[in-house]
Amino acid sequence: MDARRELIVDDTGWIVAAIVILLVVVFLALALMSYVILGAGVLFAWALGQGFVGAVLYFAAWFFLFPVMLVASTLVGFFTNRTLSRERREWENEERTRNPPCLQPSNPGHTANRPGRSLQMGKSPSPI
């Protein structure tokens, strides 16, 4: 009986490892797929900017040069994603510098109703 129990425990460890590896592979595949889709969209937008001939050449390239377009779309998507992420971080840092959290109201929807803080156009603040 002990030999069977050890075999089951060993099999359980392999099953857990296989599940973890499968999850990692699925995550990486989804990340690569998102890069391919983003890159294909960016390349398609660029091709449309060239006119009808650019769009036709884009689809022809996908048909005749599939591996090359797959790699190109992945690379373009990866670098576009990095650029967009960097720009978003810079924008968020700019917003934080312009409006620090300590100066932002806790309930921004009700700032216009506070006495002396009228934000409506053409009205002066109430003298309270």
C-alpha atoms as a PDB file:
ATOM      1  CA  MET A   1       0.000   0.000   0.000  1.00  0.00           C
ATOM      2  CA  ASP A   2       2.833   2.434   0.745  1.00  0.00           C
ATOM      3  CA  ALA A   3       4.213   2.105  -2.780  1.00  0.00           C
ATOM      4  CA  ARG A   4       0.835   3.044  -4.245  1.00  0.00           C
ATOM      5  CA  ARG A   5       0.512   6.060  -1.921  1.00  0.00           C
ATOM      6  CA  GLU A   6       3.956   7.342  -2.888  1.00  0.00           C
ATOM      7  CA  LEU A   7       3.092   6.909  -6.554  1.00  0.00           C
ATOM      8  CA  ILE A   8      -0.118   8.905  -6.098  1.00  0.00           C
ATOM      9  CA  VAL A   9       1.729  11.696  -4.254  1.00  0.00           C
ATOM     10  CA  ASP A  10       4.373  11.815  -6.976  1.00  0.00           C
ATOM     11  CA  ASP A  11       1.673  11.941  -9.652  1.00  0.00           C
ATOM     12  CA  THR A  12      -0.103  14.745  -7.812  1.00  0.00           C
ATOM     13  CA  GLY A  13       3.066  16.824  -7.820  1.00  0.00           C
ATOM     14  CA  TRP A  14       3.467  16.343 -11.559  1.00  0.00           C
ATOM     15  CA  ILE A  15      -0.171  17.249 -12.144  1.00  0.00           C
ATOM     16  CA  VAL A  16       0.166  20.473 -10.139  1.00  0.00           C
ATOM     17  CA  ALA A  17       3.373  21.344 -12.011  1.00  0.00           C
ATOM     18  CA  ALA A  18       1.665  20.639 -15.347  1.00  0.00           C
ATOM     19  CA  ILE A  19      -1.269  22.872 -14.413  1.00  0.00           C
ATOM     20  CA  VAL A  20       1.065  25.711 -13.398  1.00  0.00           C
ATOM     21  CA  ILE A  21       3.059  25.367 -16.618  1.00  0.00           C
ATOM     22  CA  LEU A  22      -0.154  25.290 -18.638  1.00  0.00           C
ATOM     23  CA  LEU A  23      -1.369  28.492 -16.966  1.00  0.00           C
ATOM     24  CA  VAL A  24       1.934  30.229 -17.689  1.00  0.00           C
ATOM     25  CA  VAL A  25       1.836  29.110 -21.335  1.00  0.00           C
ATOM     26  CA  VAL A  26      -1.771  30.292 -21.717  1.00  0.00           C
ATOM     27  CA  PHE A  27      -0.896  33.662 -20.177  1.00  0.00           C
ATOM     28  CA  LEU A  28       2.072  34.110 -22.528  1.00  0.00           C
ATOM     29  CA  ALA A  29      -0.027  33.040 -25.520  1.00  0.00           C
ATOM     30  CA  LEU A  30      -2.703  35.595 -24.654  1.00  0.00           C
ATOM     31  CA  ALA A  31      -0.081  38.310 -24.225  1.00  0.00           C
ATOM     32  CA  LEU A  32       1.459  37.470 -27.612  1.00  0.00           C
ATOM     33  CA  MET A  33      -1.982  37.378 -29.201  1.00  0.00           C
ATOM     34  CA  SER A  34      -2.765  40.834 -27.830  1.00  0.00           C
ATOM     35  CA  TYR A  35       0.526  42.138 -29.260  1.00  0.00           C
ATOM     36  CA  VAL A  36      -0.291  40.615 -32.655  1.00  0.00           C
ATOM     37  CA  ILE A  37      -3.777  42.155 -32.689  1.00  0.00           C
ATOM     38  CA  LEU A  38      -2.528  45.583 -31.576  1.00  0.00           C
ATOM     39  CA  GLY A  39       0.314  45.507 -34.109  1.00  0.00           C
ATOM     40  CA  ALA A  40      -1.983  44.364 -36.915  1.00  0.00           C
ATOM     41  CA  GLY A  41      -4.322  47.240 -36.115  1.00  0.00           C
ATOM     42  CA  VAL A  42      -1.495  49.768 -36.141  1.00  0.00           C
ATOM     43  CA  LEU A  43      -0.132  48.404 -39.426  1.00  0.00           C
ATOM     44  CA  PHE A  44      -3.639  48.382 -40.925  1.00  0.00           C
ATOM     45  CA  ALA A  45      -4.159  52.023 -39.911  1.00  0.00           C
ATOM     46  CA  TRP A  46      -0.834  52.906 -41.515  1.00  0.00           C
ATOM     47  CA  ALA A  47      -1.793  50.989 -44.681  1.00  0.00           C
ATOM     48  CA  LEU A  48      -5.161  52.767 -44.852  1.00  0.00           C
ATOM     49  CA  GLY A  49      -3.313  56.052 -44.608  1.00  0.00           C
ATOM     50  CA  GLN A  50      -1.633  55.113 -47.885  1.00  0.00           C
ATOM     51  CA  GLY A  51      -5.021  54.727 -49.572  1.00  0.00           C
ATOM     52  CA  PHE A  52      -6.783  51.825 -51.237  1.00  0.00           C
ATOM     53  CA  VAL A  53      -3.573  50.403 -52.672  1.00  0.00           C
ATOM     54  CA  GLY A  54      -2.038  50.322 -49.194  1.00  0.00           C
ATOM     55  CA  ALA A  55      -4.997  48.353 -47.828  1.00  0.00           C
ATOM     56  CA  VAL A  56      -4.813  45.879 -50.726  1.00  0.00           C
ATOM     57  CA  LEU A  57      -1.065  45.423 -50.214  1.00  0.00           C
ATOM     58  CA  TYR A  58      -1.647  44.933 -46.476  1.00  0.00           C
ATOM     59  CA  PHE A  59      -4.058  42.046 -47.037  1.00  0.00           C
ATOM     60  CA  ALA A  60      -1.853  40.625 -49.793  1.00  0.00           C
ATOM     61  CA  ALA A  61       1.113  40.685 -47.411  1.00  0.00           C
ATOM     62  CA  TRP A  62      -0.900  38.777 -44.809  1.00  0.00           C
ATOM     63  CA  PHE A  63      -1.814  36.201 -47.446  1.00  0.00           C
ATOM     64  CA  PHE A  64       1.574  35.765 -49.137  1.00  0.00           C
ATOM     65  CA  LEU A  65       3.978  36.705 -46.302  1.00  0.00           C
ATOM     66  CA  PHE A  66       2.113  35.332 -43.285  1.00  0.00           C
ATOM     67  CA  PRO A  67       5.173  34.508 -41.088  1.00  0.00           C
ATOM     68  CA  VAL A  68       6.775  37.880 -41.814  1.00  0.00           C
ATOM     69  CA  MET A  69       3.548  39.757 -41.059  1.00  0.00           C
ATOM     70  CA  LEU A  70       3.057  37.753 -37.875  1.00  0.00           C
ATOM     71  CA  VAL A  71       6.510  38.699 -36.595  1.00  0.00           C
ATOM     72  CA  ALA A  72       6.127  42.310 -37.776  1.00  0.00           C
ATOM     73  CA  SER A  73       2.720  42.663 -36.106  1.00  0.00           C
ATOM     74  CA  THR A  74       4.044  41.160 -32.880  1.00  0.00           C
ATOM     75  CA  LEU A  75       7.004  43.553 -32.786  1.00  0.00           C
ATOM     76  CA  VAL A  76       4.924  46.601 -33.709  1.00  0.00           C
ATOM     77  CA  GLY A  77       2.318  45.632 -31.102  1.00  0.00           C
ATOM     78  CA  PHE A  78       4.939  45.116 -28.401  1.00  0.00           C
ATOM     79  CA  PHE A  79       6.631  48.467 -28.983  1.00  0.00           C
ATOM     80  CA  THR A  80       3.306  50.279 -29.397  1.00  0.00           C
ATOM     81  CA  ASN A  81       2.119  48.822 -26.103  1.00  0.00           C
ATOM     82  CA  ARG A  82       5.328  49.952 -24.375  1.00  0.00           C
ATOM     83  CA  THR A  83       5.002  53.441 -25.847  1.00  0.00           C
ATOM     84  CA  LEU A  84       1.346  53.768 -24.852  1.00  0.00           C
ATOM     85  CA  SER A  85       2.092  52.505 -21.340  1.00  0.00           C
ATOM     86  CA  ARG A  86       4.953  54.973 -20.930  1.00  0.00           C
ATOM     87  CA  GLU A  87       2.824  57.867 -22.204  1.00  0.00           C
ATOM     88  CA  ARG A  88      -0.021  56.891 -19.839  1.00  0.00           C
ATOM     89  CA  ARG A  89       2.379  56.795 -16.880  1.00  0.00           C
ATOM     90  CA  GLU A  90       3.799  60.197 -17.832  1.00  0.00           C
ATOM     91  CA  TRP A  91       0.302  61.639 -18.175  1.00  0.00           C
ATOM     92  CA  GLU A  92      -0.721  60.220 -14.772  1.00  0.00           C
ATOM     93  CA  ASN A  93       2.426  61.677 -13.175  1.00  0.00           C
ATOM     94  CA  GLU A  94       1.640  65.049 -14.770  1.00  0.00           C
ATOM     95  CA  GLU A  95      -1.911  64.898 -13.423  1.00  0.00           C
ATOM     96  CA  ARG A  96      -0.654  64.027  -9.938  1.00  0.00           C
ATOM     97  CA  THR A  97       1.753  66.977 -10.025  1.00  0.00           C
ATOM     98  CA  ARG A  98      -0.919  69.333 -11.276  1.00  0.00           C
ATOM     99  CA  ASN A  99      -3.607  68.084  -8.843  1.00  0.00           C
ATOM    100  CA  PRO A 100      -2.010  66.444  -5.797  1.00  0.00           C
ATOM    101  CA  PRO A 101      -4.356  64.052  -3.971  1.00  0.00           C
ATOM    102  CA  CYS A 102      -4.283  66.203  -0.824  1.00  0.00           C
ATOM    103  CA  LEU A 103      -5.796  69.152  -2.752  1.00  0.00           C
ATOM    104  CA  GLN A 104      -8.481  67.162  -4.541  1.00  0.00           C
ATOM    105  CA  PRO A 105     -11.944  67.211  -2.945  1.00  0.00           C
ATOM    106  CA  SER A 106     -13.112  63.954  -1.421  1.00  0.00           C
ATOM    107  CA  ASN A 107     -16.439  64.183  -3.273  1.00  0.00           C
ATOM    108  CA  PRO A 108     -15.799  66.056  -6.535  1.00  0.00           C
ATOM    109  CA  GLY A 109     -19.464  65.992  -7.589  1.00  0.00           C
ATOM    110  CA  HIS A 110     -20.539  68.323  -4.808  1.00  0.00           C
ATOM    111  CA  THR A 111     -17.834  71.019  -4.924  1.00  0.00           C
ATOM    112  CA  ALA A 112     -20.132  73.511  -6.668  1.00  0.00           C
ATOM    113  CA  ASN A 113     -22.626  73.421  -3.789  1.00  0.00           C
ATOM    114  CA  ARG A 114     -20.207  74.554  -1.102  1.00  0.00           C
ATOM    115  CA  PRO A 115     -20.723  78.154   0.066  1.00  0.00           C
ATOM    116  CA  GLY A 116     -18.272  80.565  -1.501  1.00  0.00           C
ATOM    117  CA  ARG A 117     -17.217  78.071  -4.171  1.00  0.00           C
ATOM    118  CA  SER A 118     -19.687  78.617  -6.999  1.00  0.00           C
ATOM    119  CA  LEU A 119     -18.199  77.145 -10.185  1.00  0.00           C
ATOM    120  CA  GLN A 120     -21.020  78.088 -12.555  1.00  0.00           C
ATOM    121  CA  MET A 121     -20.181  80.280 -15.538  1.00  0.00           C
ATOM    122  CA  GLY A 122     -20.949  83.955 -15.171  1.00  0.00           C
ATOM    123  CA  LYS A 123     -21.705  83.876 -11.444  1.00  0.00           C
ATOM    124  CA  SER A 124     -19.495  85.310  -8.801  1.00  0.00           C
ATOM    125  CA  PRO A 125     -18.868  83.377  -5.591  1.00  0.00           C
ATOM    126  CA  SER A 126     -21.433  83.967  -2.875  1.00  0.00           C
ATOM    127  CA  PRO A 127     -20.217  86.290  -0.079  1.00  0.00           C
ATOM    128  CA  ILE A 128     -20.411  84.002   2.965  1.00  0.00           C
END
